[in-house]
Amino acid sequence: MTDTQELAATLRAAFETDVEPCVGSVDGRAVRELLDRVGDKWSLLIIGMLHTGSQRFTELQRRINGISQRMLTLKLRSLERDGLVTRTVHAEVPPRVEYELTEMGTTLIEPALGLALWAVQYQGVIDEARQHFDEAHSTTTH
């Protein structure tokens, strides 16, 4: 059994038995921190865009519809701090800054793609569930 398989088995066992120790454990904190780090509106999009190779800030901003300059700056800084993205400043006039995924950052592509595929596959089912829920709860009075 590989280290990854052992960790997966440990996490599954913790979730299936006693949730409280898992939530407070080192592994539980690692999972929460990862979800906080990349589970926001923009981080996985940035990681996905950088999967094709290094890109300049303006190119990323152009490709990620709706992200503000400030938000892109904050997210790139956060991803760089976590070791998922590198920032390279080229000594040119004007300065050219490029961002790219680190080796660790590239390891997020496969799980992120899995989440994206799941979302696409189940979006219709989720929409139906929401509609049924809303219909069932709209008839109740407050």
C-alpha atoms as a PDB file:
ATOM      1  CA  MET A   1       0.000   0.000   0.000  1.00  0.00           C
ATOM      2  CA  THR A   2       1.390   3.436  -0.953  1.00  0.00           C
ATOM      3  CA  ASP A   3       1.588   6.372   1.452  1.00  0.00           C
ATOM      4  CA  THR A   4      -1.301   8.023  -0.409  1.00  0.00           C
ATOM      5  CA  GLN A   5      -3.453   4.922  -0.117  1.00  0.00           C
ATOM      6  CA  GLU A   6      -2.636   4.623   3.602  1.00  0.00           C
ATOM      7  CA  LEU A   7      -3.558   8.257   4.214  1.00  0.00           C
ATOM      8  CA  ALA A   8      -6.803   7.859   2.232  1.00  0.00           C
ATOM      9  CA  ALA A   9      -7.693   4.771   4.266  1.00  0.00           C
ATOM     10  CA  THR A  10      -6.944   6.614   7.526  1.00  0.00           C
ATOM     11  CA  LEU A  11      -9.108   9.584   6.535  1.00  0.00           C
ATOM     12  CA  ARG A  12     -11.984   7.354   5.411  1.00  0.00           C
ATOM     13  CA  ALA A  13     -11.854   5.416   8.681  1.00  0.00           C
ATOM     14  CA  ALA A  14     -11.842   8.634  10.694  1.00  0.00           C
ATOM     15  CA  PHE A  15     -14.835  10.022   8.808  1.00  0.00           C
ATOM     16  CA  GLU A  16     -16.758   6.768   9.185  1.00  0.00           C
ATOM     17  CA  THR A  17     -16.141   6.336  12.910  1.00  0.00           C
ATOM     18  CA  ASP A  18     -15.681   9.405  15.086  1.00  0.00           C
ATOM     19  CA  VAL A  19     -15.854  12.731  13.274  1.00  0.00           C
ATOM     20  CA  GLU A  20     -14.728  14.906  16.190  1.00  0.00           C
ATOM     21  CA  PRO A  21     -11.161  13.550  16.467  1.00  0.00           C
ATOM     22  CA  CYS A  22     -10.767  13.716  12.700  1.00  0.00           C
ATOM     23  CA  VAL A  23     -11.881  17.336  12.553  1.00  0.00           C
ATOM     24  CA  GLY A  24      -9.399  18.321  15.241  1.00  0.00           C
ATOM     25  CA  SER A  25      -6.586  16.113  13.971  1.00  0.00           C
ATOM     26  CA  VAL A  26      -3.595  17.232  11.955  1.00  0.00           C
ATOM     27  CA  ASP A  27      -5.085  15.521   8.882  1.00  0.00           C
ATOM     28  CA  GLY A  28      -8.458  17.177   9.471  1.00  0.00           C
ATOM     29  CA  ARG A  29      -6.836  20.595   9.712  1.00  0.00           C
ATOM     30  CA  ALA A  30      -4.863  19.915   6.526  1.00  0.00           C
ATOM     31  CA  VAL A  31      -8.082  19.098   4.650  1.00  0.00           C
ATOM     32  CA  ARG A  32      -9.836  22.222   5.959  1.00  0.00           C
ATOM     33  CA  GLU A  33      -6.869  24.422   5.093  1.00  0.00           C
ATOM     34  CA  LEU A  34      -6.698  23.014   1.570  1.00  0.00           C
ATOM     35  CA  LEU A  35     -10.398  23.606   1.038  1.00  0.00           C
ATOM     36  CA  ASP A  36     -10.045  27.141   2.404  1.00  0.00           C
ATOM     37  CA  ARG A  37      -7.054  27.698   0.140  1.00  0.00           C
ATOM     38  CA  VAL A  38      -8.421  26.443  -3.177  1.00  0.00           C
ATOM     39  CA  GLY A  39     -12.142  26.102  -2.577  1.00  0.00           C
ATOM     40  CA  ASP A  40     -12.906  29.748  -3.164  1.00  0.00           C
ATOM     41  CA  LYS A  41     -14.347  31.273  -6.286  1.00  0.00           C
ATOM     42  CA  TRP A  42     -11.054  32.016  -8.055  1.00  0.00           C
ATOM     43  CA  SER A  43      -8.117  29.845  -6.959  1.00  0.00           C
ATOM     44  CA  LEU A  44      -8.947  26.700  -8.922  1.00  0.00           C
ATOM     45  CA  LEU A  45      -9.654  28.806 -12.002  1.00  0.00           C
ATOM     46  CA  ILE A  46      -6.224  30.411 -11.681  1.00  0.00           C
ATOM     47  CA  ILE A  47      -4.587  27.019 -11.180  1.00  0.00           C
ATOM     48  CA  GLY A  48      -6.446  25.686 -14.212  1.00  0.00           C
ATOM     49  CA  MET A  49      -5.361  28.606 -16.372  1.00  0.00           C
ATOM     50  CA  LEU A  50      -1.738  28.170 -15.319  1.00  0.00           C
ATOM     51  CA  HIS A  51      -1.848  24.479 -16.204  1.00  0.00           C
ATOM     52  CA  THR A  52      -1.071  25.406 -19.802  1.00  0.00           C
ATOM     53  CA  GLY A  53       2.178  27.132 -18.779  1.00  0.00           C
ATOM     54  CA  SER A  54       3.480  30.416 -17.462  1.00  0.00           C
ATOM     55  CA  GLN A  55       1.348  33.490 -18.046  1.00  0.00           C
ATOM     56  CA  ARG A  56       1.529  37.193 -17.447  1.00  0.00           C
ATOM     57  CA  PHE A  57      -0.791  38.881 -14.993  1.00  0.00           C
ATOM     58  CA  THR A  58      -2.773  40.694 -17.683  1.00  0.00           C
ATOM     59  CA  GLU A  59      -3.202  37.488 -19.660  1.00  0.00           C
ATOM     60  CA  LEU A  60      -4.604  35.723 -16.594  1.00  0.00           C
ATOM     61  CA  GLN A  61      -6.939  38.617 -15.877  1.00  0.00           C
ATOM     62  CA  ARG A  62      -8.181  38.607 -19.464  1.00  0.00           C
ATOM     63  CA  ARG A  63      -8.795  34.838 -19.423  1.00  0.00           C
ATOM     64  CA  ILE A  64     -10.594  34.770 -16.054  1.00  0.00           C
ATOM     65  CA  ASN A  65     -13.847  36.565 -16.674  1.00  0.00           C
ATOM     66  CA  GLY A  66     -15.033  38.771 -13.832  1.00  0.00           C
ATOM     67  CA  ILE A  67     -11.942  38.763 -11.602  1.00  0.00           C
ATOM     68  CA  SER A  68     -10.753  42.172 -10.481  1.00  0.00           C
ATOM     69  CA  GLN A  69      -7.115  43.238 -10.537  1.00  0.00           C
ATOM     70  CA  ARG A  70      -7.062  43.356  -6.736  1.00  0.00           C
ATOM     71  CA  MET A  71      -8.602  39.892  -6.336  1.00  0.00           C
ATOM     72  CA  LEU A  72      -6.233  38.332  -8.867  1.00  0.00           C
ATOM     73  CA  THR A  73      -3.291  39.927  -7.039  1.00  0.00           C
ATOM     74  CA  LEU A  74      -4.496  38.606  -3.671  1.00  0.00           C
ATOM     75  CA  LYS A  75      -5.132  35.090  -4.978  1.00  0.00           C
ATOM     76  CA  LEU A  76      -1.820  34.861  -6.819  1.00  0.00           C
ATOM     77  CA  ARG A  77      -0.002  36.034  -3.687  1.00  0.00           C
ATOM     78  CA  SER A  78      -1.825  33.460  -1.588  1.00  0.00           C
ATOM     79  CA  LEU A  79      -1.085  30.650  -4.052  1.00  0.00           C
ATOM     80  CA  GLU A  80       2.547  31.746  -4.185  1.00  0.00           C
ATOM     81  CA  ARG A  81       2.752  31.791  -0.377  1.00  0.00           C
ATOM     82  CA  ASP A  82       1.389  28.237  -0.278  1.00  0.00           C
ATOM     83  CA  GLY A  83       4.008  27.063  -2.766  1.00  0.00           C
ATOM     84  CA  LEU A  84       1.533  26.349  -5.554  1.00  0.00           C
ATOM     85  CA  VAL A  85       2.564  29.181  -7.895  1.00  0.00           C
ATOM     86  CA  THR A  86       5.864  30.885  -8.654  1.00  0.00           C
ATOM     87  CA  ARG A  87       6.250  34.508  -9.667  1.00  0.00           C
ATOM     88  CA  THR A  88       9.120  35.462 -11.945  1.00  0.00           C
ATOM     89  CA  VAL A  89      10.063  39.100 -12.564  1.00  0.00           C
ATOM     90  CA  HIS A  90      12.074  39.623 -15.736  1.00  0.00           C
ATOM     91  CA  ALA A  91      14.451  42.596 -15.733  1.00  0.00           C
ATOM     92  CA  GLU A  92      12.941  44.415 -18.685  1.00  0.00           C
ATOM     93  CA  VAL A  93      11.436  47.828 -19.234  1.00  0.00           C
ATOM     94  CA  PRO A  94       8.598  47.715 -18.465  1.00  0.00           C
ATOM     95  CA  PRO A  95       9.088  44.789 -16.068  1.00  0.00           C
ATOM     96  CA  ARG A  96       7.547  41.528 -17.231  1.00  0.00           C
ATOM     97  CA  VAL A  97       6.071  39.340 -14.497  1.00  0.00           C
ATOM     98  CA  GLU A  98       5.024  35.754 -15.166  1.00  0.00           C
ATOM     99  CA  TYR A  99       3.268  33.210 -13.016  1.00  0.00           C
ATOM    100  CA  GLU A 100       3.421  29.446 -13.309  1.00  0.00           C
ATOM    101  CA  LEU A 101       2.485  26.400 -11.311  1.00  0.00           C
ATOM    102  CA  THR A 102       5.087  24.765  -9.134  1.00  0.00           C
ATOM    103  CA  GLU A 103       5.552  21.022  -9.227  1.00  0.00           C
ATOM    104  CA  MET A 104       3.241  20.774  -6.213  1.00  0.00           C
ATOM    105  CA  GLY A 105       0.718  23.075  -7.890  1.00  0.00           C
ATOM    106  CA  THR A 106       0.505  20.788 -10.905  1.00  0.00           C
ATOM    107  CA  THR A 107      -0.535  17.913  -8.626  1.00  0.00           C
ATOM    108  CA  LEU A 108      -3.830  19.751  -8.015  1.00  0.00           C
ATOM    109  CA  ILE A 109      -4.834  19.580 -11.686  1.00  0.00           C
ATOM    110  CA  GLU A 110      -6.095  15.989 -11.627  1.00  0.00           C
ATOM    111  CA  PRO A 111      -8.259  16.332  -8.479  1.00  0.00           C
ATOM    112  CA  ALA A 112      -9.525  19.722  -9.688  1.00  0.00           C
ATOM    113  CA  LEU A 113     -10.448  18.217 -13.036  1.00  0.00           C
ATOM    114  CA  GLY A 114     -12.277  15.431 -11.188  1.00  0.00           C
ATOM    115  CA  LEU A 115     -14.307  18.014  -9.265  1.00  0.00           C
ATOM    116  CA  ALA A 116     -15.050  19.936 -12.448  1.00  0.00           C
ATOM    117  CA  LEU A 117     -16.210  16.809 -14.262  1.00  0.00           C
ATOM    118  CA  TRP A 118     -18.380  15.846 -11.284  1.00  0.00           C
ATOM    119  CA  ALA A 119     -19.936  19.331 -11.261  1.00  0.00           C
ATOM    120  CA  VAL A 120     -20.739  19.167 -14.975  1.00  0.00           C
ATOM    121  CA  GLN A 121     -22.087  15.622 -14.717  1.00  0.00           C
ATOM    122  CA  TYR A 122     -24.388  16.351 -11.778  1.00  0.00           C
ATOM    123  CA  GLN A 123     -25.415  19.960 -12.454  1.00  0.00           C
ATOM    124  CA  GLY A 124     -28.776  18.917 -13.898  1.00  0.00           C
ATOM    125  CA  VAL A 125     -29.489  16.646 -10.930  1.00  0.00           C
ATOM    126  CA  ILE A 126     -28.484  19.403  -8.514  1.00  0.00           C
ATOM    127  CA  ASP A 127     -30.742  21.893 -10.322  1.00  0.00           C
ATOM    128  CA  GLU A 128     -33.663  19.443 -10.059  1.00  0.00           C
ATOM    129  CA  ALA A 129     -32.993  18.835  -6.354  1.00  0.00           C
ATOM    130  CA  ARG A 130     -32.923  22.583  -5.720  1.00  0.00           C
ATOM    131  CA  GLN A 131     -36.160  23.059  -7.625  1.00  0.00           C
ATOM    132  CA  HIS A 132     -37.890  20.284  -5.643  1.00  0.00           C
ATOM    133  CA  PHE A 133     -36.563  21.697  -2.392  1.00  0.00           C
ATOM    134  CA  ASP A 134     -37.661  25.247  -3.257  1.00  0.00           C
ATOM    135  CA  GLU A 135     -41.113  24.043  -4.319  1.00  0.00           C
ATOM    136  CA  ALA A 136     -41.537  22.001  -1.144  1.00  0.00           C
ATOM    137  CA  HIS A 137     -40.445  24.878   1.060  1.00  0.00           C
ATOM    138  CA  SER A 138     -42.191  27.706  -0.766  1.00  0.00           C
ATOM    139  CA  THR A 139     -45.619  26.365   0.212  1.00  0.00           C
ATOM    140  CA  THR A 140     -44.873  26.594   3.917  1.00  0.00           C
ATOM    141  CA  THR A 141     -45.815  29.770   5.702  1.00  0.00           C
ATOM    142  CA  HIS A 142     -43.497  31.643   7.992  1.00  0.00           C
END
